[in-house]
Amino acid sequence: MNSHPRHSYRQRLQQRQTVIFGSIGLVLTLFLVLGLLWFTNILPFPMKRDFSTAAEQEENVVPCLVEGTTSVEPSSITVRVYNASTRTGLAGNVGGKLSEYGIVISDELNWGGSEPQAPVVVYSSLNALPQAYTLARMFPSATVLLDGTTDTEVLDLVLGQEFTEMRPDGELAELQAGQELTNPENCVVIER
């Protein structure tokens, strides 16, 4: 008779353990499924993620200028010129031409980033947009992109494989400081 109550106690203990561990396993499985659905964006995440979306929005978008922004003096523009093409000496040649117009060249390097999506890309911080758009006017097919990782006023000029040439000297001579800059059609207004 003594073994029967002990045997019954062990069975109840095993049943409780099975229920407890089964419930924990079920809850963990549910969290795993929900996490995968949120991660793959099948389900919207239930919390607003301002802490990550602001940085995502500020990187690699074409920023709009504040209305009435004018071009700046070339001497107030500092640029790192990058060669993202297979042509040797491209950064040095373009850097030399830019310095003839008074732009300060801080470095001439080979580009180590991803392939630019335009023949010429000017990466700028939010506080250097007038300089970036002034520089972009010197190229027929330049795109200004916001680099959300920096607040420096030094611009990164990336010359891609499709880059052919700067504007002709006659057109460059017409580009003066104080001229109103225009926004590209695909620009995004960035709140400051």
C-alpha atoms as a PDB file:
ATOM      1  CA  MET A   1       0.000   0.000   0.000  1.00  0.00           C
ATOM      2  CA  ASN A   2       2.874   2.363   0.618  1.00  0.00           C
ATOM      3  CA  SER A   3       4.076   2.174  -2.974  1.00  0.00           C
ATOM      4  CA  HIS A   4       0.698   3.131  -4.410  1.00  0.00           C
ATOM      5  CA  PRO A   5       0.489   6.716  -2.987  1.00  0.00           C
ATOM      6  CA  ARG A   6       4.126   7.303  -3.900  1.00  0.00           C
ATOM      7  CA  HIS A   7       3.484   6.047  -7.434  1.00  0.00           C
ATOM      8  CA  SER A   8       0.426   8.309  -7.705  1.00  0.00           C
ATOM      9  CA  TYR A   9       2.459  11.291  -6.461  1.00  0.00           C
ATOM     10  CA  ARG A  10       5.133  10.686  -9.137  1.00  0.00           C
ATOM     11  CA  GLN A  11       2.507  10.454 -11.834  1.00  0.00           C
ATOM     12  CA  ARG A  12       0.929  13.737 -10.776  1.00  0.00           C
ATOM     13  CA  LEU A  13       4.355  15.386 -10.627  1.00  0.00           C
ATOM     14  CA  GLN A  14       5.202  14.136 -14.125  1.00  0.00           C
ATOM     15  CA  GLN A  15       1.840  15.342 -15.417  1.00  0.00           C
ATOM     16  CA  ARG A  16       2.408  18.803 -13.925  1.00  0.00           C
ATOM     17  CA  GLN A  17       5.901  18.961 -15.397  1.00  0.00           C
ATOM     18  CA  THR A  18       4.566  17.926 -18.791  1.00  0.00           C
ATOM     19  CA  VAL A  19       1.889  20.630 -18.655  1.00  0.00           C
ATOM     20  CA  ILE A  20       4.379  23.305 -17.492  1.00  0.00           C
ATOM     21  CA  PHE A  21       7.091  22.483 -20.043  1.00  0.00           C
ATOM     22  CA  GLY A  22       4.514  21.981 -22.788  1.00  0.00           C
ATOM     23  CA  SER A  23       3.039  25.422 -22.047  1.00  0.00           C
ATOM     24  CA  ILE A  24       6.488  27.031 -22.079  1.00  0.00           C
ATOM     25  CA  GLY A  25       7.276  25.327 -25.399  1.00  0.00           C
ATOM     26  CA  LEU A  26       3.973  26.498 -26.865  1.00  0.00           C
ATOM     27  CA  VAL A  27       4.569  30.116 -25.775  1.00  0.00           C
ATOM     28  CA  LEU A  28       8.123  30.087 -27.179  1.00  0.00           C
ATOM     29  CA  THR A  29       6.859  28.663 -30.470  1.00  0.00           C
ATOM     30  CA  LEU A  30       4.214  31.392 -30.623  1.00  0.00           C
ATOM     31  CA  PHE A  31       6.863  34.098 -30.049  1.00  0.00           C
ATOM     32  CA  LEU A  32       9.084  32.542 -32.715  1.00  0.00           C
ATOM     33  CA  VAL A  33       6.267  32.562 -35.281  1.00  0.00           C
ATOM     34  CA  LEU A  34       5.275  36.164 -34.420  1.00  0.00           C
ATOM     35  CA  GLY A  35       8.907  37.264 -34.569  1.00  0.00           C
ATOM     36  CA  LEU A  36       9.337  35.754 -38.017  1.00  0.00           C
ATOM     37  CA  LEU A  37       6.122  37.399 -39.227  1.00  0.00           C
ATOM     38  CA  TRP A  38       7.294  40.807 -37.925  1.00  0.00           C
ATOM     39  CA  PHE A  39      10.809  40.333 -39.290  1.00  0.00           C
ATOM     40  CA  THR A  40       9.534  39.527 -42.779  1.00  0.00           C
ATOM     41  CA  ASN A  41       7.011  42.415 -42.589  1.00  0.00           C
ATOM     42  CA  ILE A  42       4.048  40.104 -43.091  1.00  0.00           C
ATOM     43  CA  LEU A  43       2.630  41.519 -39.856  1.00  0.00           C
ATOM     44  CA  PRO A  44       3.230  45.172 -38.896  1.00  0.00           C
ATOM     45  CA  PHE A  45       5.302  45.639 -35.765  1.00  0.00           C
ATOM     46  CA  PRO A  46       2.961  46.746 -32.930  1.00  0.00           C
ATOM     47  CA  MET A  47       5.265  49.521 -31.675  1.00  0.00           C
ATOM     48  CA  LYS A  48       6.339  52.647 -33.554  1.00  0.00           C
ATOM     49  CA  ARG A  49      10.109  52.441 -34.143  1.00  0.00           C
ATOM     50  CA  ASP A  50      11.142  56.112 -34.364  1.00  0.00           C
ATOM     51  CA  PHE A  51      14.594  55.323 -33.060  1.00  0.00           C
ATOM     52  CA  SER A  52      15.516  53.368 -36.215  1.00  0.00           C
ATOM     53  CA  THR A  53      13.322  54.836 -38.940  1.00  0.00           C
ATOM     54  CA  ALA A  54      14.735  58.364 -38.624  1.00  0.00           C
ATOM     55  CA  ALA A  55      18.247  57.204 -39.473  1.00  0.00           C
ATOM     56  CA  GLU A  56      16.956  54.979 -42.266  1.00  0.00           C
ATOM     57  CA  GLN A  57      15.034  57.891 -43.790  1.00  0.00           C
ATOM     58  CA  GLU A  58      18.022  60.206 -43.739  1.00  0.00           C
ATOM     59  CA  GLU A  59      20.446  57.944 -45.573  1.00  0.00           C
ATOM     60  CA  ASN A  60      20.668  57.792 -49.347  1.00  0.00           C
ATOM     61  CA  VAL A  61      17.685  59.982 -50.150  1.00  0.00           C
ATOM     62  CA  VAL A  62      17.722  63.014 -52.420  1.00  0.00           C
ATOM     63  CA  PRO A  63      17.105  65.849 -49.930  1.00  0.00           C
ATOM     64  CA  CYS A  64      15.149  68.989 -50.786  1.00  0.00           C
ATOM     65  CA  LEU A  65      16.678  72.388 -50.197  1.00  0.00           C
ATOM     66  CA  VAL A  66      14.939  75.030 -48.137  1.00  0.00           C
ATOM     67  CA  GLU A  67      13.142  77.376 -50.507  1.00  0.00           C
ATOM     68  CA  GLY A  68      15.313  80.350 -51.478  1.00  0.00           C
ATOM     69  CA  THR A  69      18.657  78.597 -50.872  1.00  0.00           C
ATOM     70  CA  THR A  70      21.372  80.105 -53.040  1.00  0.00           C
ATOM     71  CA  SER A  71      24.672  78.786 -54.351  1.00  0.00           C
ATOM     72  CA  VAL A  72      27.780  79.394 -52.273  1.00  0.00           C
ATOM     73  CA  GLU A  73      31.313  80.581 -53.047  1.00  0.00           C
ATOM     74  CA  PRO A  74      33.456  77.716 -54.401  1.00  0.00           C
ATOM     75  CA  SER A  75      36.094  78.426 -51.739  1.00  0.00           C
ATOM     76  CA  SER A  76      33.572  77.411 -49.044  1.00  0.00           C
ATOM     77  CA  ILE A  77      33.256  73.909 -50.536  1.00  0.00           C
ATOM     78  CA  THR A  78      35.582  71.115 -49.361  1.00  0.00           C
ATOM     79  CA  VAL A  79      35.453  67.846 -51.289  1.00  0.00           C
ATOM     80  CA  ARG A  80      36.894  64.348 -51.188  1.00  0.00           C
ATOM     81  CA  VAL A  81      36.902  63.111 -54.801  1.00  0.00           C
ATOM     82  CA  TYR A  82      36.420  59.357 -55.285  1.00  0.00           C
ATOM     83  CA  ASN A  83      36.992  57.303 -58.421  1.00  0.00           C
ATOM     84  CA  ALA A  84      34.376  54.519 -58.634  1.00  0.00           C
ATOM     85  CA  SER A  85      35.250  53.714 -62.245  1.00  0.00           C
ATOM     86  CA  THR A  86      37.946  51.581 -63.833  1.00  0.00           C
ATOM     87  CA  ARG A  87      39.683  54.643 -65.320  1.00  0.00           C
ATOM     88  CA  THR A  88      43.049  55.425 -63.781  1.00  0.00           C
ATOM     89  CA  GLY A  89      43.606  58.967 -62.518  1.00  0.00           C
ATOM     90  CA  LEU A  90      39.968  60.083 -62.806  1.00  0.00           C
ATOM     91  CA  ALA A  91      39.731  61.461 -59.251  1.00  0.00           C
ATOM     92  CA  GLY A  92      42.971  63.409 -59.728  1.00  0.00           C
ATOM     93  CA  ASN A  93      41.881  64.883 -63.061  1.00  0.00           C
ATOM     94  CA  VAL A  94      38.462  65.995 -61.790  1.00  0.00           C
ATOM     95  CA  GLY A  95      39.952  67.181 -58.489  1.00  0.00           C
ATOM     96  CA  GLY A  96      42.440  69.341 -60.403  1.00  0.00           C
ATOM     97  CA  LYS A  97      39.657  70.867 -62.509  1.00  0.00           C
ATOM     98  CA  LEU A  98      37.541  71.601 -59.415  1.00  0.00           C
ATOM     99  CA  SER A  99      40.478  73.256 -57.647  1.00  0.00           C
ATOM    100  CA  GLU A 100      40.905  75.567 -60.664  1.00  0.00           C
ATOM    101  CA  TYR A 101      37.436  76.908 -59.818  1.00  0.00           C
ATOM    102  CA  GLY A 102      38.388  77.485 -56.176  1.00  0.00           C
ATOM    103  CA  ILE A 103      36.954  74.344 -54.603  1.00  0.00           C
ATOM    104  CA  VAL A 104      39.097  72.901 -51.803  1.00  0.00           C
ATOM    105  CA  ILE A 105      40.083  69.280 -52.497  1.00  0.00           C
ATOM    106  CA  SER A 106      40.865  67.410 -49.283  1.00  0.00           C
ATOM    107  CA  ASP A 107      41.606  64.034 -50.872  1.00  0.00           C
ATOM    108  CA  GLU A 108      41.515  62.033 -54.107  1.00  0.00           C
ATOM    109  CA  LEU A 109      40.834  58.335 -53.546  1.00  0.00           C
ATOM    110  CA  ASN A 110      39.462  55.154 -55.056  1.00  0.00           C
ATOM    111  CA  TRP A 111      35.876  54.448 -53.994  1.00  0.00           C
ATOM    112  CA  GLY A 112      35.396  51.403 -51.761  1.00  0.00           C
ATOM    113  CA  GLY A 113      31.622  51.606 -51.387  1.00  0.00           C
ATOM    114  CA  SER A 114      28.773  50.231 -53.451  1.00  0.00           C
ATOM    115  CA  GLU A 115      28.434  51.085 -57.135  1.00  0.00           C
ATOM    116  CA  PRO A 116      26.917  54.588 -57.466  1.00  0.00           C
ATOM    117  CA  GLN A 117      23.428  54.681 -58.973  1.00  0.00           C
ATOM    118  CA  ALA A 118      24.232  57.778 -61.039  1.00  0.00           C
ATOM    119  CA  PRO A 119      27.264  58.897 -63.090  1.00  0.00           C
ATOM    120  CA  VAL A 120      28.104  61.428 -60.346  1.00  0.00           C
ATOM    121  CA  VAL A 121      26.934  61.255 -56.730  1.00  0.00           C
ATOM    122  CA  VAL A 122      27.527  63.966 -54.124  1.00  0.00           C
ATOM    123  CA  TYR A 123      27.124  62.651 -50.572  1.00  0.00           C
ATOM    124  CA  SER A 124      26.325  65.429 -48.129  1.00  0.00           C
ATOM    125  CA  SER A 125      25.322  65.972 -44.543  1.00  0.00           C
ATOM    126  CA  LEU A 126      22.166  67.939 -43.827  1.00  0.00           C
ATOM    127  CA  ASN A 127      24.096  71.093 -42.895  1.00  0.00           C
ATOM    128  CA  ALA A 128      26.136  71.124 -46.152  1.00  0.00           C
ATOM    129  CA  LEU A 129      23.308  70.949 -48.697  1.00  0.00           C
ATOM    130  CA  PRO A 130      23.963  74.415 -50.217  1.00  0.00           C
ATOM    131  CA  GLN A 131      27.575  73.371 -50.865  1.00  0.00           C
ATOM    132  CA  ALA A 132      26.458  69.995 -52.263  1.00  0.00           C
ATOM    133  CA  TYR A 133      23.946  71.469 -54.699  1.00  0.00           C
ATOM    134  CA  THR A 134      26.430  74.167 -55.735  1.00  0.00           C
ATOM    135  CA  LEU A 135      28.963  71.431 -56.535  1.00  0.00           C
ATOM    136  CA  ALA A 136      26.352  69.276 -58.311  1.00  0.00           C
ATOM    137  CA  ARG A 137      25.637  72.120 -60.768  1.00  0.00           C
ATOM    138  CA  MET A 138      29.132  71.612 -62.190  1.00  0.00           C
ATOM    139  CA  PHE A 139      28.161  68.187 -63.565  1.00  0.00           C
ATOM    140  CA  PRO A 140      25.417  67.478 -66.115  1.00  0.00           C
ATOM    141  CA  SER A 141      24.170  64.341 -64.383  1.00  0.00           C
ATOM    142  CA  ALA A 142      24.924  64.666 -60.661  1.00  0.00           C
ATOM    143  CA  THR A 143      22.699  63.386 -57.868  1.00  0.00           C
ATOM    144  CA  VAL A 144      22.906  64.717 -54.305  1.00  0.00           C
ATOM    145  CA  LEU A 145      22.284  62.085 -51.637  1.00  0.00           C
ATOM    146  CA  LEU A 146      22.014  62.642 -47.919  1.00  0.00           C
ATOM    147  CA  ASP A 147      24.608  60.818 -45.875  1.00  0.00           C
ATOM    148  CA  GLY A 148      22.881  60.361 -42.540  1.00  0.00           C
ATOM    149  CA  THR A 149      26.032  59.050 -40.877  1.00  0.00           C
ATOM    150  CA  THR A 150      27.924  62.326 -40.643  1.00  0.00           C
ATOM    151  CA  ASP A 151      27.420  65.990 -39.827  1.00  0.00           C
ATOM    152  CA  THR A 152      30.625  67.233 -41.441  1.00  0.00           C
ATOM    153  CA  GLU A 153      30.567  69.866 -44.172  1.00  0.00           C
ATOM    154  CA  VAL A 154      33.121  67.916 -46.230  1.00  0.00           C
ATOM    155  CA  LEU A 155      31.399  66.483 -49.304  1.00  0.00           C
ATOM    156  CA  ASP A 156      32.102  63.131 -50.935  1.00  0.00           C
ATOM    157  CA  LEU A 157      32.065  63.329 -54.740  1.00  0.00           C
ATOM    158  CA  VAL A 158      31.832  59.854 -56.294  1.00  0.00           C
ATOM    159  CA  LEU A 159      32.546  59.518 -60.020  1.00  0.00           C
ATOM    160  CA  GLY A 160      30.958  56.361 -61.386  1.00  0.00           C
ATOM    161  CA  GLN A 161      31.646  54.225 -64.431  1.00  0.00           C
ATOM    162  CA  GLU A 162      29.128  56.242 -66.499  1.00  0.00           C
ATOM    163  CA  PHE A 163      30.789  59.601 -65.754  1.00  0.00           C
ATOM    164  CA  THR A 164      31.963  61.315 -68.925  1.00  0.00           C
ATOM    165  CA  GLU A 165      32.796  64.961 -68.203  1.00  0.00           C
ATOM    166  CA  MET A 166      32.052  68.100 -66.249  1.00  0.00           C
ATOM    167  CA  ARG A 167      30.081  70.950 -67.783  1.00  0.00           C
ATOM    168  CA  PRO A 168      31.967  72.914 -70.456  1.00  0.00           C
ATOM    169  CA  ASP A 169      34.095  75.858 -69.275  1.00  0.00           C
ATOM    170  CA  GLY A 170      31.621  78.381 -70.711  1.00  0.00           C
ATOM    171  CA  GLU A 171      28.755  76.966 -68.641  1.00  0.00           C
ATOM    172  CA  LEU A 172      30.907  76.685 -65.529  1.00  0.00           C
ATOM    173  CA  ALA A 173      31.873  80.369 -65.850  1.00  0.00           C
ATOM    174  CA  GLU A 174      28.168  81.292 -65.679  1.00  0.00           C
ATOM    175  CA  LEU A 175      27.700  79.526 -62.346  1.00  0.00           C
ATOM    176  CA  GLN A 176      28.091  82.245 -59.747  1.00  0.00           C
ATOM    177  CA  ALA A 177      27.596  82.377 -55.985  1.00  0.00           C
ATOM    178  CA  GLY A 178      24.236  83.782 -54.892  1.00  0.00           C
ATOM    179  CA  GLN A 179      22.182  82.149 -57.652  1.00  0.00           C
ATOM    180  CA  GLU A 180      19.013  80.419 -56.467  1.00  0.00           C
ATOM    181  CA  LEU A 181      19.334  76.635 -56.381  1.00  0.00           C
ATOM    182  CA  THR A 182      16.471  74.449 -57.567  1.00  0.00           C
ATOM    183  CA  ASN A 183      15.264  71.178 -56.094  1.00  0.00           C
ATOM    184  CA  PRO A 184      15.235  68.021 -58.203  1.00  0.00           C
ATOM    185  CA  GLU A 185      11.802  66.513 -58.844  1.00  0.00           C
ATOM    186  CA  ASN A 186      12.436  63.395 -56.765  1.00  0.00           C
ATOM    187  CA  CYS A 187      13.675  65.168 -53.621  1.00  0.00           C
ATOM    188  CA  VAL A 188      12.434  64.384 -50.118  1.00  0.00           C
ATOM    189  CA  VAL A 189      11.738  67.081 -47.510  1.00  0.00           C
ATOM    190  CA  ILE A 190      13.849  66.317 -44.427  1.00  0.00           C
ATOM    191  CA  GLU A 191      12.736  67.793 -41.114  1.00  0.00           C
ATOM    192  CA  ARG A 192      15.547  69.510 -39.279  1.00  0.00           C
END
